[in-house]
Amino acid sequence: MNLETVRYYERRGLLPKPPRTATGYRAFEPDAVRRLRFIRHAQALGFSLHEIKELLALRVKAGVSSADVRQRAQAKLVDIDEKLKTLRAMKKVLTRFTESCSGAGPISRCPILAALEREEGQ
């Protein structure tokens, strides 16, 4: 992970600023490395930085159970299902557009560009 990303996470409150050595170098604790790994894995699963910050806060909040984390993961699954549904619809339309285009002829007669210019519902 590059240094600018780490600094960004610090500014967003996802990672505490590490202490500095006598020579001015940043000294990351093992917990910071675990947090960075956690952030990277959570992002790979589609969690936003805001959601990741909430997940990290749950780890230290009193009275929180794994059911709370599970609920957030289930909400993310619903979000992913919605995105998949949208992507499938986009693919269907784009497939139809590309099938209508032979790839030959002048650009002024491109059926893909014409379809993109039409108003929705036409």
PDB file of N, CA and C in Angstrom:
ATOM      1  N   MET A   1       0.855  -1.169   0.000  1.00  0.00           N
ATOM      2  CA  MET A   1       0.000   0.000   0.000  1.00  0.00           C
ATOM      3  C   MET A   1       0.899   1.230   0.000  1.00  0.00           C
ATOM      4  N   ASN A   2       0.544   2.193  -0.829  1.00  0.00           N
ATOM      5  CA  ASN A   2       1.438   3.351  -0.898  1.00  0.00           C
ATOM      6  C   ASN A   2       1.191   4.327   0.256  1.00  0.00           C
ATOM      7  N   LEU A   3       2.154   5.153   0.514  1.00  0.00           N
ATOM      8  CA  LEU A   3       2.141   6.052   1.663  1.00  0.00           C
ATOM      9  C   LEU A   3       1.001   7.054   1.596  1.00  0.00           C
ATOM     10  N   GLU A   4       0.687   7.542   0.414  1.00  0.00           N
ATOM     11  CA  GLU A   4      -0.408   8.512   0.288  1.00  0.00           C
ATOM     12  C   GLU A   4      -1.740   7.887   0.688  1.00  0.00           C
ATOM     13  N   THR A   5      -1.935   6.616   0.367  1.00  0.00           N
ATOM     14  CA  THR A   5      -3.155   5.909   0.757  1.00  0.00           C
ATOM     15  C   THR A   5      -3.218   5.794   2.271  1.00  0.00           C
ATOM     16  N   VAL A   6      -2.111   5.455   2.890  1.00  0.00           N
ATOM     17  CA  VAL A   6      -2.057   5.341   4.350  1.00  0.00           C
ATOM     18  C   VAL A   6      -2.383   6.692   4.979  1.00  0.00           C
ATOM     19  N   ARG A   7      -1.821   7.754   4.462  1.00  0.00           N
ATOM     20  CA  ARG A   7      -2.099   9.098   4.991  1.00  0.00           C
ATOM     21  C   ARG A   7      -3.573   9.453   4.814  1.00  0.00           C
ATOM     22  N   TYR A   8      -4.130   9.064   3.684  1.00  0.00           N
ATOM     23  CA  TYR A   8      -5.555   9.317   3.439  1.00  0.00           C
ATOM     24  C   TYR A   8      -6.405   8.593   4.479  1.00  0.00           C
ATOM     25  N   TYR A   9      -6.087   7.353   4.767  1.00  0.00           N
ATOM     26  CA  TYR A   9      -6.812   6.591   5.785  1.00  0.00           C
ATOM     27  C   TYR A   9      -6.681   7.254   7.158  1.00  0.00           C
ATOM     28  N   GLU A  10      -5.530   7.816   7.422  1.00  0.00           N
ATOM     29  CA  GLU A  10      -5.344   8.534   8.687  1.00  0.00           C
ATOM     30  C   GLU A  10      -6.259   9.749   8.746  1.00  0.00           C
ATOM     31  N   ARG A  11      -6.308  10.512   7.644  1.00  0.00           N
ATOM     32  CA  ARG A  11      -7.164  11.702   7.603  1.00  0.00           C
ATOM     33  C   ARG A  11      -8.634  11.335   7.746  1.00  0.00           C
ATOM     34  N   ARG A  12      -9.033  10.191   7.211  1.00  0.00           N
ATOM     35  CA  ARG A  12     -10.429   9.739   7.286  1.00  0.00           C
ATOM     36  C   ARG A  12     -10.763   9.089   8.633  1.00  0.00           C
ATOM     37  N   GLY A  13      -9.786   8.931   9.491  1.00  0.00           N
ATOM     38  CA  GLY A  13     -10.017   8.357  10.807  1.00  0.00           C
ATOM     39  C   GLY A  13     -10.058   6.835  10.832  1.00  0.00           C
ATOM     40  N   LEU A  14      -9.580   6.199   9.777  1.00  0.00           N
ATOM     41  CA  LEU A  14      -9.548   4.737   9.726  1.00  0.00           C
ATOM     42  C   LEU A  14      -8.305   4.166  10.397  1.00  0.00           C
ATOM     43  N   LEU A  15      -7.311   4.992  10.525  1.00  0.00           N
ATOM     44  CA  LEU A  15      -6.018   4.546  11.027  1.00  0.00           C
ATOM     45  C   LEU A  15      -5.431   5.664  11.888  1.00  0.00           C
ATOM     46  N   PRO A  16      -4.993   5.347  13.105  1.00  0.00           N
ATOM     47  CA  PRO A  16      -4.378   6.402  13.921  1.00  0.00           C
ATOM     48  C   PRO A  16      -3.010   6.783  13.357  1.00  0.00           C
ATOM     49  N   LYS A  17      -2.646   8.034  13.571  1.00  0.00           N
ATOM     50  CA  LYS A  17      -1.317   8.465  13.124  1.00  0.00           C
ATOM     51  C   LYS A  17      -0.276   7.749  13.975  1.00  0.00           C
ATOM     52  N   PRO A  18       0.718   7.164  13.324  1.00  0.00           N
ATOM     53  CA  PRO A  18       1.719   6.416  14.088  1.00  0.00           C
ATOM     54  C   PRO A  18       2.721   7.356  14.750  1.00  0.00           C
ATOM     55  N   PRO A  19       3.317   6.874  15.827  1.00  0.00           N
ATOM     56  CA  PRO A  19       4.383   7.684  16.443  1.00  0.00           C
ATOM     57  C   PRO A  19       5.590   7.730  15.506  1.00  0.00           C
ATOM     58  N   ARG A  20       6.427   8.693  15.749  1.00  0.00           N
ATOM     59  CA  ARG A  20       7.639   8.832  14.934  1.00  0.00           C
ATOM     60  C   ARG A  20       8.866   8.458  15.756  1.00  0.00           C
ATOM     61  N   THR A  21       9.836   7.938  15.050  1.00  0.00           N
ATOM     62  CA  THR A  21      11.107   7.615  15.703  1.00  0.00           C
ATOM     63  C   THR A  21      11.879   8.911  15.926  1.00  0.00           C
ATOM     64  N   ALA A  22      12.984   8.819  16.618  1.00  0.00           N
ATOM     65  CA  ALA A  22      13.827   9.996  16.876  1.00  0.00           C
ATOM     66  C   ALA A  22      14.316  10.623  15.574  1.00  0.00           C
ATOM     67  N   THR A  23      14.442   9.813  14.542  1.00  0.00           N
ATOM     68  CA  THR A  23      14.913  10.327  13.253  1.00  0.00           C
ATOM     69  C   THR A  23      13.764  10.791  12.357  1.00  0.00           C
ATOM     70  N   GLY A  24      12.529  10.714  12.873  1.00  0.00           N
ATOM     71  CA  GLY A  24      11.392  11.240  12.116  1.00  0.00           C
ATOM     72  C   GLY A  24      10.642  10.219  11.285  1.00  0.00           C
ATOM     73  N   TYR A  25      11.085   8.979  11.291  1.00  0.00           N
ATOM     74  CA  TYR A  25      10.378   7.951  10.516  1.00  0.00           C
ATOM     75  C   TYR A  25       9.103   7.534  11.242  1.00  0.00           C
ATOM     76  N   ARG A  26       8.103   7.175  10.497  1.00  0.00           N
ATOM     77  CA  ARG A  26       6.852   6.691  11.060  1.00  0.00           C
ATOM     78  C   ARG A  26       7.048   5.244  11.522  1.00  0.00           C
ATOM     79  N   ALA A  27       6.655   4.954  12.758  1.00  0.00           N
ATOM     80  CA  ALA A  27       6.823   3.617  13.326  1.00  0.00           C
ATOM     81  C   ALA A  27       5.442   2.976  13.470  1.00  0.00           C
ATOM     82  N   PHE A  28       5.086   2.138  12.519  1.00  0.00           N
ATOM     83  CA  PHE A  28       3.775   1.498  12.538  1.00  0.00           C
ATOM     84  C   PHE A  28       3.772   0.303  13.486  1.00  0.00           C
ATOM     85  N   GLU A  29       2.778   0.262  14.334  1.00  0.00           N
ATOM     86  CA  GLU A  29       2.586  -0.844  15.262  1.00  0.00           C
ATOM     87  C   GLU A  29       1.968  -2.022  14.515  1.00  0.00           C
ATOM     88  N   PRO A  30       2.093  -3.235  15.037  1.00  0.00           N
ATOM     89  CA  PRO A  30       1.466  -4.392  14.383  1.00  0.00           C
ATOM     90  C   PRO A  30      -0.044  -4.224  14.196  1.00  0.00           C
ATOM     91  N   ASP A  31      -0.706  -3.512  15.129  1.00  0.00           N
ATOM     92  CA  ASP A  31      -2.142  -3.288  14.992  1.00  0.00           C
ATOM     93  C   ASP A  31      -2.455  -2.452  13.750  1.00  0.00           C
ATOM     94  N   ALA A  32      -1.597  -1.505  13.416  1.00  0.00           N
ATOM     95  CA  ALA A  32      -1.816  -0.678  12.221  1.00  0.00           C
ATOM     96  C   ALA A  32      -1.738  -1.531  10.959  1.00  0.00           C
ATOM     97  N   VAL A  33      -0.830  -2.467  10.947  1.00  0.00           N
ATOM     98  CA  VAL A  33      -0.703  -3.370   9.799  1.00  0.00           C
ATOM     99  C   VAL A  33      -1.959  -4.231   9.682  1.00  0.00           C
ATOM    100  N   ARG A  34      -2.468  -4.720  10.814  1.00  0.00           N
ATOM    101  CA  ARG A  34      -3.709  -5.510  10.804  1.00  0.00           C
ATOM    102  C   ARG A  34      -4.881  -4.673  10.312  1.00  0.00           C
ATOM    103  N   ARG A  35      -4.940  -3.416  10.743  1.00  0.00           N
ATOM    104  CA  ARG A  35      -6.017  -2.524  10.301  1.00  0.00           C
ATOM    105  C   ARG A  35      -5.932  -2.279   8.798  1.00  0.00           C
ATOM    106  N   LEU A  36      -4.724  -2.072   8.293  1.00  0.00           N
ATOM    107  CA  LEU A  36      -4.557  -1.857   6.854  1.00  0.00           C
ATOM    108  C   LEU A  36      -4.993  -3.093   6.073  1.00  0.00           C
ATOM    109  N   ARG A  37      -4.654  -4.257   6.555  1.00  0.00           N
ATOM    110  CA  ARG A  37      -5.066  -5.502   5.916  1.00  0.00           C
ATOM    111  C   ARG A  37      -6.600  -5.630   5.946  1.00  0.00           C
ATOM    112  N   PHE A  38      -7.182  -5.303   7.087  1.00  0.00           N
ATOM    113  CA  PHE A  38      -8.634  -5.323   7.251  1.00  0.00           C
ATOM    114  C   PHE A  38      -9.298  -4.385   6.239  1.00  0.00           C
ATOM    115  N   ILE A  39      -8.792  -3.167   6.140  1.00  0.00           N
ATOM    116  CA  ILE A  39      -9.342  -2.168   5.217  1.00  0.00           C
ATOM    117  C   ILE A  39      -9.262  -2.676   3.783  1.00  0.00           C
ATOM    118  N   ARG A  40      -8.112  -3.202   3.410  1.00  0.00           N
ATOM    119  CA  ARG A  40      -7.923  -3.697   2.045  1.00  0.00           C
ATOM    120  C   ARG A  40      -8.886  -4.846   1.737  1.00  0.00           C
ATOM    121  N   HIS A  41      -9.033  -5.785   2.653  1.00  0.00           N
ATOM    122  CA  HIS A  41      -9.936  -6.918   2.433  1.00  0.00           C
ATOM    123  C   HIS A  41     -11.390  -6.452   2.363  1.00  0.00           C
ATOM    124  N   ALA A  42     -11.767  -5.552   3.254  1.00  0.00           N
ATOM    125  CA  ALA A  42     -13.141  -5.050   3.260  1.00  0.00           C
ATOM    126  C   ALA A  42     -13.451  -4.295   1.969  1.00  0.00           C
ATOM    127  N   GLN A  43     -12.507  -3.512   1.481  1.00  0.00           N
ATOM    128  CA  GLN A  43     -12.710  -2.812   0.207  1.00  0.00           C
ATOM    129  C   GLN A  43     -12.879  -3.805  -0.934  1.00  0.00           C
ATOM    130  N   ALA A  44     -12.097  -4.864  -0.926  1.00  0.00           N
ATOM    131  CA  ALA A  44     -12.184  -5.875  -1.976  1.00  0.00           C
ATOM    132  C   ALA A  44     -13.558  -6.541  -1.983  1.00  0.00           C
ATOM    133  N   LEU A  45     -14.249  -6.542  -0.845  1.00  0.00           N
ATOM    134  CA  LEU A  45     -15.582  -7.122  -0.750  1.00  0.00           C
ATOM    135  C   LEU A  45     -16.681  -6.096  -1.019  1.00  0.00           C
ATOM    136  N   GLY A  46     -16.277  -4.878  -1.361  1.00  0.00           N
ATOM    137  CA  GLY A  46     -17.255  -3.867  -1.751  1.00  0.00           C
ATOM    138  C   GLY A  46     -17.661  -2.885  -0.674  1.00  0.00           C
ATOM    139  N   PHE A  47     -17.083  -2.980   0.513  1.00  0.00           N
ATOM    140  CA  PHE A  47     -17.436  -2.040   1.568  1.00  0.00           C
ATOM    141  C   PHE A  47     -16.811  -0.678   1.274  1.00  0.00           C
ATOM    142  N   SER A  48     -17.575   0.371   1.494  1.00  0.00           N
ATOM    143  CA  SER A  48     -17.057   1.732   1.330  1.00  0.00           C
ATOM    144  C   SER A  48     -16.182   2.075   2.536  1.00  0.00           C
ATOM    145  N   LEU A  49     -15.418   3.154   2.428  1.00  0.00           N
ATOM    146  CA  LEU A  49     -14.579   3.560   3.559  1.00  0.00           C
ATOM    147  C   LEU A  49     -15.441   3.937   4.760  1.00  0.00           C
ATOM    148  N   HIS A  50     -16.592   4.523   4.509  1.00  0.00           N
ATOM    149  CA  HIS A  50     -17.517   4.854   5.605  1.00  0.00           C
ATOM    150  C   HIS A  50     -17.974   3.575   6.309  1.00  0.00           C
ATOM    151  N   GLU A  51     -18.342   2.578   5.539  1.00  0.00           N
ATOM    152  CA  GLU A  51     -18.777   1.300   6.117  1.00  0.00           C
ATOM    153  C   GLU A  51     -17.634   0.610   6.864  1.00  0.00           C
ATOM    154  N   ILE A  52     -16.444   0.718   6.321  1.00  0.00           N
ATOM    155  CA  ILE A  52     -15.270   0.110   6.963  1.00  0.00           C
ATOM    156  C   ILE A  52     -14.999   0.794   8.303  1.00  0.00           C
ATOM    157  N   LYS A  53     -15.135   2.103   8.322  1.00  0.00           N
ATOM    158  CA  LYS A  53     -14.941   2.837   9.581  1.00  0.00           C
ATOM    159  C   LYS A  53     -15.950   2.364  10.625  1.00  0.00           C
ATOM    160  N   GLU A  54     -17.192   2.137  10.195  1.00  0.00           N
ATOM    161  CA  GLU A  54     -18.218   1.629  11.111  1.00  0.00           C
ATOM    162  C   GLU A  54     -17.861   0.226  11.613  1.00  0.00           C
ATOM    163  N   LEU A  55     -17.376  -0.623  10.715  1.00  0.00           N
ATOM    164  CA  LEU A  55     -16.983  -1.977  11.122  1.00  0.00           C
ATOM    165  C   LEU A  55     -15.835  -1.935  12.129  1.00  0.00           C
ATOM    166  N   LEU A  56     -14.871  -1.079  11.874  1.00  0.00           N
ATOM    167  CA  LEU A  56     -13.752  -0.946  12.803  1.00  0.00           C
ATOM    168  C   LEU A  56     -14.229  -0.445  14.163  1.00  0.00           C
ATOM    169  N   ALA A  57     -15.195   0.465  14.159  1.00  0.00           N
ATOM    170  CA  ALA A  57     -15.731   0.999  15.417  1.00  0.00           C
ATOM    171  C   ALA A  57     -16.477  -0.075  16.193  1.00  0.00           C
ATOM    172  N   LEU A  58     -17.120  -0.992  15.473  1.00  0.00           N
ATOM    173  CA  LEU A  58     -17.851  -2.064  16.147  1.00  0.00           C
ATOM    174  C   LEU A  58     -16.915  -2.942  16.985  1.00  0.00           C
ATOM    175  N   ARG A  59     -15.683  -3.071  16.538  1.00  0.00           N
ATOM    176  CA  ARG A  59     -14.729  -3.933  17.243  1.00  0.00           C
ATOM    177  C   ARG A  59     -14.449  -3.456  18.654  1.00  0.00           C
ATOM    178  N   VAL A  60     -14.588  -2.170  18.903  1.00  0.00           N
ATOM    179  CA  VAL A  60     -14.254  -1.623  20.215  1.00  0.00           C
ATOM    180  C   VAL A  60     -15.471  -1.099  20.974  1.00  0.00           C
ATOM    181  N   LYS A  61     -16.627  -1.137  20.369  1.00  0.00           N
ATOM    182  CA  LYS A  61     -17.844  -0.618  20.991  1.00  0.00           C
ATOM    183  C   LYS A  61     -18.426  -1.653  21.953  1.00  0.00           C
ATOM    184  N   ALA A  62     -18.770  -1.213  23.136  1.00  0.00           N
ATOM    185  CA  ALA A  62     -19.338  -2.119  24.148  1.00  0.00           C
ATOM    186  C   ALA A  62     -20.736  -2.565  23.731  1.00  0.00           C
ATOM    187  N   GLY A  63     -21.057  -3.805  24.021  1.00  0.00           N
ATOM    188  CA  GLY A  63     -22.384  -4.332  23.782  1.00  0.00           C
ATOM    189  C   GLY A  63     -22.664  -4.768  22.357  1.00  0.00           C
ATOM    190  N   VAL A  64     -21.658  -4.761  21.535  1.00  0.00           N
ATOM    191  CA  VAL A  64     -21.819  -5.158  20.141  1.00  0.00           C
ATOM    192  C   VAL A  64     -21.530  -6.647  20.019  1.00  0.00           C
ATOM    193  N   SER A  65     -22.339  -7.311  19.206  1.00  0.00           N
ATOM    194  CA  SER A  65     -22.115  -8.742  19.001  1.00  0.00           C
ATOM    195  C   SER A  65     -21.805  -9.001  17.533  1.00  0.00           C
ATOM    196  N   SER A  66     -21.443 -10.223  17.248  1.00  0.00           N
ATOM    197  CA  SER A  66     -21.171 -10.574  15.860  1.00  0.00           C
ATOM    198  C   SER A  66     -22.441 -10.500  15.023  1.00  0.00           C
ATOM    199  N   ALA A  67     -23.617 -10.525  15.657  1.00  0.00           N
ATOM    200  CA  ALA A  67     -24.874 -10.350  14.923  1.00  0.00           C
ATOM    201  C   ALA A  67     -24.930  -8.975  14.261  1.00  0.00           C
ATOM    202  N   ASP A  68     -24.344  -7.972  14.920  1.00  0.00           N
ATOM    203  CA  ASP A  68     -24.303  -6.631  14.338  1.00  0.00           C
ATOM    204  C   ASP A  68     -23.440  -6.607  13.081  1.00  0.00           C
ATOM    205  N   VAL A  69     -22.334  -7.306  13.128  1.00  0.00           N
ATOM    206  CA  VAL A  69     -21.442  -7.382  11.965  1.00  0.00           C
ATOM    207  C   VAL A  69     -22.121  -8.171  10.850  1.00  0.00           C
ATOM    208  N   ARG A  70     -22.770  -9.260  11.238  1.00  0.00           N
ATOM    209  CA  ARG A  70     -23.475 -10.092  10.255  1.00  0.00           C
ATOM    210  C   ARG A  70     -24.555  -9.282   9.542  1.00  0.00           C
ATOM    211  N   GLN A  71     -25.271  -8.464  10.276  1.00  0.00           N
ATOM    212  CA  GLN A  71     -26.320  -7.634   9.694  1.00  0.00           C
ATOM    213  C   GLN A  71     -25.741  -6.687   8.636  1.00  0.00           C
ATOM    214  N   ARG A  72     -24.598  -6.125   8.916  1.00  0.00           N
ATOM    215  CA  ARG A  72     -23.952  -5.215   7.954  1.00  0.00           C
ATOM    216  C   ARG A  72     -23.468  -5.985   6.715  1.00  0.00           C
ATOM    217  N   ALA A  73     -22.975  -7.187   6.942  1.00  0.00           N
ATOM    218  CA  ALA A  73     -22.540  -8.012   5.811  1.00  0.00           C
ATOM    219  C   ALA A  73     -23.745  -8.405   4.954  1.00  0.00           C
ATOM    220  N   GLN A  74     -24.869  -8.712   5.600  1.00  0.00           N
ATOM    221  CA  GLN A  74     -26.073  -9.046   4.839  1.00  0.00           C
ATOM    222  C   GLN A  74     -26.571  -7.848   4.045  1.00  0.00           C
ATOM    223  N   ALA A  75     -26.486  -6.667   4.625  1.00  0.00           N
ATOM    224  CA  ALA A  75     -26.875  -5.451   3.907  1.00  0.00           C
ATOM    225  C   ALA A  75     -25.977  -5.243   2.694  1.00  0.00           C
ATOM    226  N   LYS A  76     -24.701  -5.561   2.832  1.00  0.00           N
ATOM    227  CA  LYS A  76     -23.775  -5.432   1.707  1.00  0.00           C
ATOM    228  C   LYS A  76     -24.139  -6.428   0.617  1.00  0.00           C
ATOM    229  N   LEU A  77     -24.561  -7.634   1.006  1.00  0.00           N
ATOM    230  CA  LEU A  77     -25.003  -8.627   0.015  1.00  0.00           C
ATOM    231  C   LEU A  77     -26.204  -8.129  -0.773  1.00  0.00           C
ATOM    232  N   VAL A  78     -27.143  -7.492  -0.101  1.00  0.00           N
ATOM    233  CA  VAL A  78     -28.314  -6.923  -0.784  1.00  0.00           C
ATOM    234  C   VAL A  78     -27.856  -5.854  -1.774  1.00  0.00           C
ATOM    235  N   ASP A  79     -26.932  -5.013  -1.342  1.00  0.00           N
ATOM    236  CA  ASP A  79     -26.390  -3.963  -2.203  1.00  0.00           C
ATOM    237  C   ASP A  79     -25.708  -4.569  -3.435  1.00  0.00           C
ATOM    238  N   ILE A  80     -24.941  -5.614  -3.231  1.00  0.00           N
ATOM    239  CA  ILE A  80     -24.250  -6.281  -4.342  1.00  0.00           C
ATOM    240  C   ILE A  80     -25.263  -6.893  -5.303  1.00  0.00           C
ATOM    241  N   ASP A  81     -26.323  -7.522  -4.766  1.00  0.00           N
ATOM    242  CA  ASP A  81     -27.367  -8.083  -5.625  1.00  0.00           C
ATOM    243  C   ASP A  81     -28.018  -7.008  -6.487  1.00  0.00           C
ATOM    244  N   GLU A  82     -28.264  -5.840  -5.920  1.00  0.00           N
ATOM    245  CA  GLU A  82     -28.846  -4.730  -6.681  1.00  0.00           C
ATOM    246  C   GLU A  82     -27.891  -4.266  -7.783  1.00  0.00           C
ATOM    247  N   LYS A  83     -26.625  -4.193  -7.452  1.00  0.00           N
ATOM    248  CA  LYS A  83     -25.638  -3.781  -8.456  1.00  0.00           C
ATOM    249  C   LYS A  83     -25.553  -4.810  -9.582  1.00  0.00           C
ATOM    250  N   LEU A  84     -25.605  -6.089  -9.222  1.00  0.00           N
ATOM    251  CA  LEU A  84     -25.583  -7.140 -10.245  1.00  0.00           C
ATOM    252  C   LEU A  84     -26.794  -7.040 -11.160  1.00  0.00           C
ATOM    253  N   LYS A  85     -27.944  -6.776 -10.571  1.00  0.00           N
ATOM    254  CA  LYS A  85     -29.179  -6.622 -11.350  1.00  0.00           C
ATOM    255  C   LYS A  85     -29.038  -5.459 -12.341  1.00  0.00           C
ATOM    256  N   THR A  86     -28.497  -4.356 -11.862  1.00  0.00           N
ATOM    257  CA  THR A  86     -28.280  -3.187 -12.724  1.00  0.00           C
ATOM    258  C   THR A  86     -27.269  -3.500 -13.821  1.00  0.00           C
ATOM    259  N   LEU A  87     -26.185  -4.174 -13.467  1.00  0.00           N
ATOM    260  CA  LEU A  87     -25.164  -4.528 -14.458  1.00  0.00           C
ATOM    261  C   LEU A  87     -25.720  -5.476 -15.520  1.00  0.00           C
ATOM    262  N   ARG A  88     -26.564  -6.431 -15.117  1.00  0.00           N
ATOM    263  CA  ARG A  88     -27.167  -7.342 -16.092  1.00  0.00           C
ATOM    264  C   ARG A  88     -28.055  -6.584 -17.066  1.00  0.00           C
ATOM    265  N   ALA A  89     -28.826  -5.629 -16.562  1.00  0.00           N
ATOM    266  CA  ALA A  89     -29.684  -4.816 -17.425  1.00  0.00           C
ATOM    267  C   ALA A  89     -28.844  -3.982 -18.385  1.00  0.00           C
ATOM    268  N   MET A  90     -27.757  -3.415 -17.877  1.00  0.00           N
ATOM    269  CA  MET A  90     -26.867  -2.635 -18.735  1.00  0.00           C
ATOM    270  C   MET A  90     -26.269  -3.515 -19.823  1.00  0.00           C
ATOM    271  N   LYS A  91     -25.855  -4.718 -19.457  1.00  0.00           N
ATOM    272  CA  LYS A  91     -25.264  -5.643 -20.423  1.00  0.00           C
ATOM    273  C   LYS A  91     -26.273  -6.012 -21.506  1.00  0.00           C
ATOM    274  N   LYS A  92     -27.502  -6.246 -21.107  1.00  0.00           N
ATOM    275  CA  LYS A  92     -28.547  -6.610 -22.057  1.00  0.00           C
ATOM    276  C   LYS A  92     -28.761  -5.502 -23.101  1.00  0.00           C
ATOM    277  N   VAL A  93     -28.846  -4.274 -22.639  1.00  0.00           N
ATOM    278  CA  VAL A  93     -29.040  -3.147 -23.550  1.00  0.00           C
ATOM    279  C   VAL A  93     -27.827  -2.957 -24.442  1.00  0.00           C
ATOM    280  N   LEU A  94     -26.644  -2.999 -23.864  1.00  0.00           N
ATOM    281  CA  LEU A  94     -25.429  -2.798 -24.653  1.00  0.00           C
ATOM    282  C   LEU A  94     -25.233  -3.925 -25.659  1.00  0.00           C
ATOM    283  N   THR A  95     -25.596  -5.145 -25.299  1.00  0.00           N
ATOM    284  CA  THR A  95     -25.526  -6.271 -26.245  1.00  0.00           C
ATOM    285  C   THR A  95     -26.454  -6.016 -27.420  1.00  0.00           C
ATOM    286  N   ARG A  96     -27.661  -5.560 -27.121  1.00  0.00           N
ATOM    287  CA  ARG A  96     -28.624  -5.251 -28.192  1.00  0.00           C
ATOM    288  C   ARG A  96     -28.074  -4.155 -29.105  1.00  0.00           C
ATOM    289  N   PHE A  97     -27.467  -3.123 -28.505  1.00  0.00           N
ATOM    290  CA  PHE A  97     -26.883  -2.043 -29.303  1.00  0.00           C
ATOM    291  C   PHE A  97     -25.786  -2.568 -30.222  1.00  0.00           C
ATOM    292  N   THR A  98     -24.863  -3.365 -29.684  1.00  0.00           N
ATOM    293  CA  THR A  98     -23.740  -3.830 -30.495  1.00  0.00           C
ATOM    294  C   THR A  98     -24.189  -4.808 -31.574  1.00  0.00           C
ATOM    295  N   GLU A  99     -25.238  -5.577 -31.298  1.00  0.00           N
ATOM    296  CA  GLU A  99     -25.752  -6.494 -32.318  1.00  0.00           C
ATOM    297  C   GLU A  99     -26.426  -5.750 -33.470  1.00  0.00           C
ATOM    298  N   SER A 100     -26.891  -4.522 -33.205  1.00  0.00           N
ATOM    299  CA  SER A 100     -27.542  -3.739 -34.256  1.00  0.00           C
ATOM    300  C   SER A 100     -26.529  -3.014 -35.141  1.00  0.00           C
ATOM    301  N   CYS A 101     -25.265  -3.079 -34.779  1.00  0.00           N
ATOM    302  CA  CYS A 101     -24.224  -2.354 -35.511  1.00  0.00           C
ATOM    303  C   CYS A 101     -23.317  -3.329 -36.247  1.00  0.00           C
ATOM    304  N   SER A 102     -23.211  -3.120 -37.556  1.00  0.00           N
ATOM    305  CA  SER A 102     -22.340  -3.986 -38.354  1.00  0.00           C
ATOM    306  C   SER A 102     -20.874  -3.580 -38.250  1.00  0.00           C
ATOM    307  N   GLY A 103     -20.642  -2.365 -37.788  1.00  0.00           N
ATOM    308  CA  GLY A 103     -19.277  -1.863 -37.719  1.00  0.00           C
ATOM    309  C   GLY A 103     -18.812  -1.276 -39.037  1.00  0.00           C
ATOM    310  N   ALA A 104     -19.698  -1.266 -40.019  1.00  0.00           N
ATOM    311  CA  ALA A 104     -19.371  -0.701 -41.335  1.00  0.00           C
ATOM    312  C   ALA A 104     -20.216   0.554 -41.561  1.00  0.00           C
ATOM    313  N   GLY A 105     -19.738   1.403 -42.406  1.00  0.00           N
ATOM    314  CA  GLY A 105     -20.488   2.600 -42.756  1.00  0.00           C
ATOM    315  C   GLY A 105     -19.991   3.825 -42.025  1.00  0.00           C
ATOM    316  N   PRO A 106     -20.542   4.958 -42.383  1.00  0.00           N
ATOM    317  CA  PRO A 106     -20.090   6.214 -41.778  1.00  0.00           C
ATOM    318  C   PRO A 106     -20.578   6.346 -40.339  1.00  0.00           C
ATOM    319  N   ILE A 107     -19.833   7.113 -39.596  1.00  0.00           N
ATOM    320  CA  ILE A 107     -20.157   7.324 -38.187  1.00  0.00           C
ATOM    321  C   ILE A 107     -21.512   7.997 -38.025  1.00  0.00           C
ATOM    322  N   SER A 108     -21.896   8.792 -39.017  1.00  0.00           N
ATOM    323  CA  SER A 108     -23.180   9.499 -38.940  1.00  0.00           C
ATOM    324  C   SER A 108     -24.364   8.535 -38.938  1.00  0.00           C
ATOM    325  N   ARG A 109     -24.141   7.290 -39.338  1.00  0.00           N
ATOM    326  CA  ARG A 109     -25.212   6.286 -39.353  1.00  0.00           C
ATOM    327  C   ARG A 109     -24.995   5.193 -38.306  1.00  0.00           C
ATOM    328  N   CYS A 110     -24.189   5.466 -37.345  1.00  0.00           N
ATOM    329  CA  CYS A 110     -23.889   4.477 -36.312  1.00  0.00           C
ATOM    330  C   CYS A 110     -25.130   4.239 -35.435  1.00  0.00           C
ATOM    331  N   PRO A 111     -25.668   3.030 -35.447  1.00  0.00           N
ATOM    332  CA  PRO A 111     -26.871   2.773 -34.661  1.00  0.00           C
ATOM    333  C   PRO A 111     -26.639   2.852 -33.144  1.00  0.00           C
ATOM    334  N   ILE A 112     -25.415   2.621 -32.716  1.00  0.00           N
ATOM    335  CA  ILE A 112     -25.127   2.714 -31.285  1.00  0.00           C
ATOM    336  C   ILE A 112     -25.216   4.164 -30.832  1.00  0.00           C
ATOM    337  N   LEU A 113     -24.559   5.062 -31.588  1.00  0.00           N
ATOM    338  CA  LEU A 113     -24.618   6.486 -31.241  1.00  0.00           C
ATOM    339  C   LEU A 113     -26.046   7.005 -31.338  1.00  0.00           C
ATOM    340  N   ALA A 114     -26.786   6.568 -32.365  1.00  0.00           N
ATOM    341  CA  ALA A 114     -28.182   6.994 -32.510  1.00  0.00           C
ATOM    342  C   ALA A 114     -29.019   6.525 -31.312  1.00  0.00           C
ATOM    343  N   ALA A 115     -28.797   5.306 -30.878  1.00  0.00           N
ATOM    344  CA  ALA A 115     -29.549   4.779 -29.729  1.00  0.00           C
ATOM    345  C   ALA A 115     -29.216   5.537 -28.461  1.00  0.00           C
ATOM    346  N   LEU A 116     -27.967   5.930 -28.289  1.00  0.00           N
ATOM    347  CA  LEU A 116     -27.569   6.674 -27.110  1.00  0.00           C
ATOM    348  C   LEU A 116     -28.151   8.094 -27.100  1.00  0.00           C
ATOM    349  N   GLU A 117     -28.409   8.622 -28.290  1.00  0.00           N
ATOM    350  CA  GLU A 117     -28.966   9.969 -28.393  1.00  0.00           C
ATOM    351  C   GLU A 117     -30.476  10.001 -28.159  1.00  0.00           C
ATOM    352  N   ARG A 118     -31.159   8.881 -28.360  1.00  0.00           N
ATOM    353  CA  ARG A 118     -32.605   8.835 -28.183  1.00  0.00           C
ATOM    354  C   ARG A 118     -32.976   9.037 -26.722  1.00  0.00           C
ATOM    355  N   GLU A 119     -34.144   9.608 -26.531  1.00  0.00           N
ATOM    356  CA  GLU A 119     -34.658   9.748 -25.164  1.00  0.00           C
ATOM    357  C   GLU A 119     -35.085   8.382 -24.663  1.00  0.00           C
ATOM    358  N   GLU A 120     -35.034   8.218 -23.357  1.00  0.00           N
ATOM    359  CA  GLU A 120     -35.468   6.955 -22.770  1.00  0.00           C
ATOM    360  C   GLU A 120     -36.940   6.744 -23.071  1.00  0.00           C
ATOM    361  N   GLY A 121     -37.301   5.493 -23.285  1.00  0.00           N
ATOM    362  CA  GLY A 121     -38.687   5.147 -23.540  1.00  0.00           C
ATOM    363  C   GLY A 121     -39.069   5.220 -25.005  1.00  0.00           C
ATOM    364  N   GLN A 122     -38.189   5.690 -25.864  1.00  0.00           N
ATOM    365  CA  GLN A 122     -38.502   5.753 -27.304  1.00  0.00           C
ATOM    366  C   GLN A 122     -38.128   4.479 -27.978  1.00  0.00           C
TER     367      GLN A 122
END
